[in-house]
Amino acid sequence: MCINIPKTIKEERLRWVLPIYNKEVKLIDVSKVCPHSQRSLERWLSEYRKHGENELIPKSTRPKTNPNETPIRTKERVIELRKKTKKCALKLTW
């Protein structure tokens, strides 16, 4: 008996979504045996219906910007002072 083990996350998601998409089984039945949540299956199925296979590739959740980041000019000024005075950042704040 040979079982195809998915090599990528996309293949794993396709394995669960395709039988539902082809109406071979119901989503509720698949969610009972699937290690993923029913909500995830619904989301993957929706994305597959809209855009096809390429939407099943996982997307980054990393933030694109950091609103609390120190401004570049301030960073440059601190580096400049550290080189000039040979003091660490903590001593500069004192």
N, C-alpha and C. Protein backbone atom coordinates (compact mmCIF):
# COMPACT_ATOMS: atom_id res chain seq x y z
N MET A 1 0.84 -1.18 0.00
CA MET A 1 0.00 0.00 0.00
C MET A 1 0.89 1.25 0.00
N CYS A 2 0.67 2.10 -0.96
CA CYS A 2 1.48 3.30 -1.10
C CYS A 2 0.62 4.53 -0.83
N ILE A 3 1.06 5.37 0.07
CA ILE A 3 0.33 6.60 0.40
C ILE A 3 1.19 7.78 0.00
N ASN A 4 0.59 8.71 -0.75
CA ASN A 4 1.33 9.92 -1.14
C ASN A 4 1.34 10.89 0.02
N ILE A 5 2.52 11.20 0.50
CA ILE A 5 2.68 12.16 1.57
C ILE A 5 2.96 13.52 0.94
N PRO A 6 2.18 14.54 1.30
CA PRO A 6 2.40 15.86 0.68
C PRO A 6 3.77 16.42 1.04
N LYS A 7 4.42 17.03 0.05
CA LYS A 7 5.75 17.59 0.26
C LYS A 7 5.71 19.06 0.66
N THR A 8 4.61 19.73 0.31
CA THR A 8 4.50 21.15 0.63
C THR A 8 3.18 21.41 1.35
N ILE A 9 3.07 22.59 1.93
CA ILE A 9 1.84 22.98 2.61
C ILE A 9 0.70 23.11 1.61
N LYS A 10 1.04 23.60 0.42
CA LYS A 10 0.04 23.74 -0.64
C LYS A 10 -0.57 22.38 -0.99
N GLU A 11 0.28 21.36 -1.14
CA GLU A 11 -0.21 20.02 -1.46
C GLU A 11 -1.09 19.47 -0.34
N GLU A 12 -0.70 19.72 0.90
CA GLU A 12 -1.49 19.26 2.06
C GLU A 12 -2.87 19.90 2.05
N ARG A 13 -2.92 21.20 1.80
CA ARG A 13 -4.21 21.89 1.76
C ARG A 13 -5.07 21.41 0.60
N LEU A 14 -4.43 21.20 -0.55
CA LEU A 14 -5.15 20.70 -1.73
C LEU A 14 -5.76 19.33 -1.45
N ARG A 15 -5.03 18.51 -0.71
CA ARG A 15 -5.50 17.17 -0.37
C ARG A 15 -6.82 17.21 0.39
N TRP A 16 -7.00 18.23 1.24
CA TRP A 16 -8.24 18.35 2.02
C TRP A 16 -9.32 19.11 1.27
N VAL A 17 -8.93 20.06 0.42
CA VAL A 17 -9.91 20.92 -0.26
C VAL A 17 -10.53 20.28 -1.49
N LEU A 18 -9.74 19.56 -2.28
CA LEU A 18 -10.24 19.01 -3.55
C LEU A 18 -11.47 18.09 -3.41
N PRO A 19 -11.50 17.16 -2.46
CA PRO A 19 -12.71 16.33 -2.35
C PRO A 19 -13.97 17.14 -2.02
N ILE A 20 -13.81 18.21 -1.26
CA ILE A 20 -14.94 19.07 -0.93
C ILE A 20 -15.36 19.85 -2.17
N TYR A 21 -14.37 20.39 -2.88
CA TYR A 21 -14.63 21.17 -4.09
C TYR A 21 -15.32 20.33 -5.16
N ASN A 22 -14.90 19.08 -5.31
CA ASN A 22 -15.48 18.19 -6.31
C ASN A 22 -16.79 17.55 -5.85
N LYS A 23 -17.25 17.93 -4.66
CA LYS A 23 -18.50 17.45 -4.06
C LYS A 23 -18.51 15.94 -3.86
N GLU A 24 -17.34 15.38 -3.55
CA GLU A 24 -17.25 13.96 -3.22
C GLU A 24 -17.65 13.73 -1.77
N VAL A 25 -17.30 14.69 -0.91
CA VAL A 25 -17.66 14.63 0.52
C VAL A 25 -18.08 16.01 0.97
N LYS A 26 -18.74 16.06 2.14
CA LYS A 26 -19.17 17.35 2.69
C LYS A 26 -18.09 17.92 3.60
N LEU A 27 -18.10 19.21 3.73
CA LEU A 27 -17.11 19.91 4.56
C LEU A 27 -17.19 19.45 6.00
N ILE A 28 -18.38 19.24 6.51
CA ILE A 28 -18.56 18.82 7.91
C ILE A 28 -17.93 17.45 8.15
N ASP A 29 -18.08 16.55 7.17
CA ASP A 29 -17.50 15.22 7.33
C ASP A 29 -15.97 15.27 7.31
N VAL A 30 -15.44 16.10 6.44
CA VAL A 30 -13.98 16.23 6.36
C VAL A 30 -13.42 16.87 7.62
N SER A 31 -14.13 17.85 8.17
CA SER A 31 -13.63 18.55 9.37
C SER A 31 -13.54 17.62 10.58
N LYS A 32 -14.30 16.52 10.58
CA LYS A 32 -14.24 15.57 11.69
C LYS A 32 -12.95 14.76 11.70
N VAL A 33 -12.39 14.51 10.51
CA VAL A 33 -11.17 13.69 10.43
C VAL A 33 -9.92 14.52 10.12
N CYS A 34 -10.11 15.75 9.71
CA CYS A 34 -9.00 16.62 9.34
C CYS A 34 -8.31 17.18 10.59
N PRO A 35 -6.97 17.23 10.60
CA PRO A 35 -6.27 17.81 11.76
C PRO A 35 -6.40 19.33 11.85
N HIS A 36 -6.94 19.96 10.81
CA HIS A 36 -7.11 21.41 10.79
C HIS A 36 -8.55 21.76 11.17
N SER A 37 -8.78 22.99 11.56
CA SER A 37 -10.12 23.40 12.00
C SER A 37 -11.07 23.55 10.82
N GLN A 38 -12.35 23.53 11.13
CA GLN A 38 -13.37 23.69 10.09
C GLN A 38 -13.26 25.07 9.47
N ARG A 39 -12.96 26.07 10.28
CA ARG A 39 -12.81 27.44 9.78
C ARG A 39 -11.67 27.52 8.76
N SER A 40 -10.57 26.84 9.03
CA SER A 40 -9.44 26.84 8.08
C SER A 40 -9.85 26.20 6.77
N LEU A 41 -10.57 25.09 6.86
CA LEU A 41 -11.03 24.42 5.64
C LEU A 41 -11.95 25.34 4.83
N GLU A 42 -12.84 26.04 5.52
CA GLU A 42 -13.75 26.96 4.84
C GLU A 42 -12.97 28.07 4.14
N ARG A 43 -11.98 28.60 4.83
CA ARG A 43 -11.16 29.67 4.27
C ARG A 43 -10.39 29.19 3.04
N TRP A 44 -9.77 28.01 3.15
CA TRP A 44 -9.01 27.46 2.03
C TRP A 44 -9.91 27.18 0.84
N LEU A 45 -11.09 26.64 1.11
CA LEU A 45 -12.03 26.34 0.04
C LEU A 45 -12.48 27.61 -0.67
N SER A 46 -12.75 28.64 0.09
CA SER A 46 -13.16 29.93 -0.48
C SER A 46 -12.06 30.51 -1.36
N GLU A 47 -10.83 30.49 -0.88
CA GLU A 47 -9.69 31.00 -1.65
C GLU A 47 -9.45 30.16 -2.90
N TYR A 48 -9.62 28.85 -2.79
CA TYR A 48 -9.44 27.96 -3.94
C TYR A 48 -10.49 28.25 -5.01
N ARG A 49 -11.73 28.48 -4.59
CA ARG A 49 -12.80 28.79 -5.54
C ARG A 49 -12.55 30.11 -6.25
N LYS A 50 -12.06 31.11 -5.52
CA LYS A 50 -11.84 32.44 -6.09
C LYS A 50 -10.62 32.49 -7.01
N HIS A 51 -9.49 31.96 -6.54
CA HIS A 51 -8.22 32.20 -7.22
C HIS A 51 -7.46 30.95 -7.67
N GLY A 52 -7.91 29.77 -7.29
CA GLY A 52 -7.22 28.56 -7.72
C GLY A 52 -6.15 28.09 -6.74
N GLU A 53 -5.30 27.21 -7.23
CA GLU A 53 -4.30 26.55 -6.39
C GLU A 53 -3.29 27.48 -5.74
N ASN A 54 -2.89 28.53 -6.44
CA ASN A 54 -1.82 29.40 -5.92
C ASN A 54 -2.21 30.14 -4.65
N GLU A 55 -3.49 30.26 -4.36
CA GLU A 55 -3.90 30.94 -3.13
C GLU A 55 -3.74 30.06 -1.90
N LEU A 56 -3.46 28.77 -2.09
CA LEU A 56 -3.29 27.87 -0.96
C LEU A 56 -1.88 27.92 -0.38
N ILE A 57 -1.00 28.67 -1.02
CA ILE A 57 0.36 28.85 -0.50
C ILE A 57 0.26 29.77 0.71
N PRO A 58 0.90 29.40 1.83
CA PRO A 58 0.80 30.23 3.04
C PRO A 58 1.39 31.62 2.83
N LYS A 59 0.73 32.61 3.42
CA LYS A 59 1.17 34.00 3.31
C LYS A 59 1.85 34.44 4.61
N SER A 60 2.77 35.35 4.49
CA SER A 60 3.49 35.85 5.65
C SER A 60 2.58 36.68 6.54
N THR A 61 2.74 36.51 7.85
CA THR A 61 1.97 37.31 8.80
C THR A 61 2.86 38.38 9.45
N ARG A 62 4.08 38.50 8.92
CA ARG A 62 5.02 39.48 9.45
C ARG A 62 4.52 40.89 9.15
N PRO A 63 4.56 41.78 10.13
CA PRO A 63 4.12 43.15 9.87
C PRO A 63 5.04 43.85 8.87
N LYS A 64 4.46 44.66 8.02
CA LYS A 64 5.25 45.36 7.00
C LYS A 64 5.95 46.59 7.58
N THR A 65 5.37 47.19 8.60
CA THR A 65 5.99 48.35 9.25
C THR A 65 5.89 48.21 10.76
N ASN A 66 6.70 49.00 11.46
CA ASN A 66 6.65 49.03 12.91
C ASN A 66 6.42 50.48 13.34
N PRO A 67 5.22 50.80 13.82
CA PRO A 67 4.94 52.20 14.18
C PRO A 67 5.76 52.70 15.37
N ASN A 68 6.32 51.79 16.18
CA ASN A 68 7.09 52.20 17.36
C ASN A 68 8.59 52.26 17.09
N GLU A 69 8.98 52.10 15.85
CA GLU A 69 10.40 52.10 15.51
C GLU A 69 11.01 53.49 15.71
N THR A 70 12.25 53.50 16.19
CA THR A 70 12.98 54.75 16.39
C THR A 70 13.28 55.36 15.03
N PRO A 71 13.05 56.67 14.88
CA PRO A 71 13.33 57.33 13.59
C PRO A 71 14.80 57.17 13.19
N ILE A 72 15.06 57.10 11.91
CA ILE A 72 16.41 56.88 11.39
C ILE A 72 17.36 57.98 11.83
N ARG A 73 16.88 59.22 11.81
CA ARG A 73 17.74 60.35 12.20
C ARG A 73 18.21 60.21 13.65
N THR A 74 17.32 59.74 14.52
CA THR A 74 17.69 59.55 15.93
C THR A 74 18.74 58.43 16.05
N LYS A 75 18.54 57.35 15.32
CA LYS A 75 19.52 56.25 15.34
C LYS A 75 20.89 56.72 14.87
N GLU A 76 20.90 57.49 13.79
CA GLU A 76 22.16 58.01 13.25
C GLU A 76 22.85 58.92 14.25
N ARG A 77 22.07 59.74 14.94
CA ARG A 77 22.61 60.68 15.94
C ARG A 77 23.24 59.92 17.11
N VAL A 78 22.58 58.85 17.57
CA VAL A 78 23.11 58.04 18.67
C VAL A 78 24.42 57.38 18.25
N ILE A 79 24.46 56.83 17.05
CA ILE A 79 25.68 56.18 16.55
C ILE A 79 26.81 57.20 16.45
N GLU A 80 26.46 58.38 15.96
CA GLU A 80 27.44 59.46 15.83
C GLU A 80 28.02 59.83 17.20
N LEU A 81 27.15 59.99 18.20
CA LEU A 81 27.60 60.35 19.55
C LEU A 81 28.43 59.23 20.19
N ARG A 82 28.06 57.99 19.94
CA ARG A 82 28.80 56.87 20.51
C ARG A 82 30.22 56.81 19.95
N LYS A 83 30.35 57.08 18.64
CA LYS A 83 31.68 57.07 18.03
C LYS A 83 32.53 58.23 18.54
N LYS A 84 31.87 59.39 18.68
CA LYS A 84 32.59 60.59 19.07
C LYS A 84 33.01 60.55 20.54
N THR A 85 32.12 60.12 21.44
CA THR A 85 32.40 60.17 22.88
C THR A 85 32.92 58.85 23.43
N LYS A 86 32.85 57.77 22.63
CA LYS A 86 33.29 56.44 23.07
C LYS A 86 32.52 55.96 24.30
N LYS A 87 31.24 56.31 24.38
CA LYS A 87 30.40 55.89 25.50
C LYS A 87 29.27 55.00 24.97
N CYS A 88 28.76 54.15 25.86
CA CYS A 88 27.66 53.27 25.46
C CYS A 88 26.35 54.06 25.45
N ALA A 89 25.33 53.47 24.89
CA ALA A 89 24.04 54.14 24.75
C ALA A 89 23.44 54.50 26.11
N LEU A 90 23.65 53.64 27.12
CA LEU A 90 23.11 53.91 28.45
C LEU A 90 23.75 55.16 29.07
N LYS A 91 25.06 55.30 28.93
CA LYS A 91 25.75 56.48 29.48
C LYS A 91 25.34 57.74 28.74
N LEU A 92 25.05 57.61 27.45
CA LEU A 92 24.59 58.77 26.68
C LEU A 92 23.23 59.26 27.19
N THR A 93 22.38 58.35 27.61
CA THR A 93 21.07 58.78 28.12
C THR A 93 21.19 59.48 29.47
N TRP A 94 22.21 59.11 30.28
CA TRP A 94 22.42 59.78 31.55
C TRP A 94 22.83 61.21 31.33
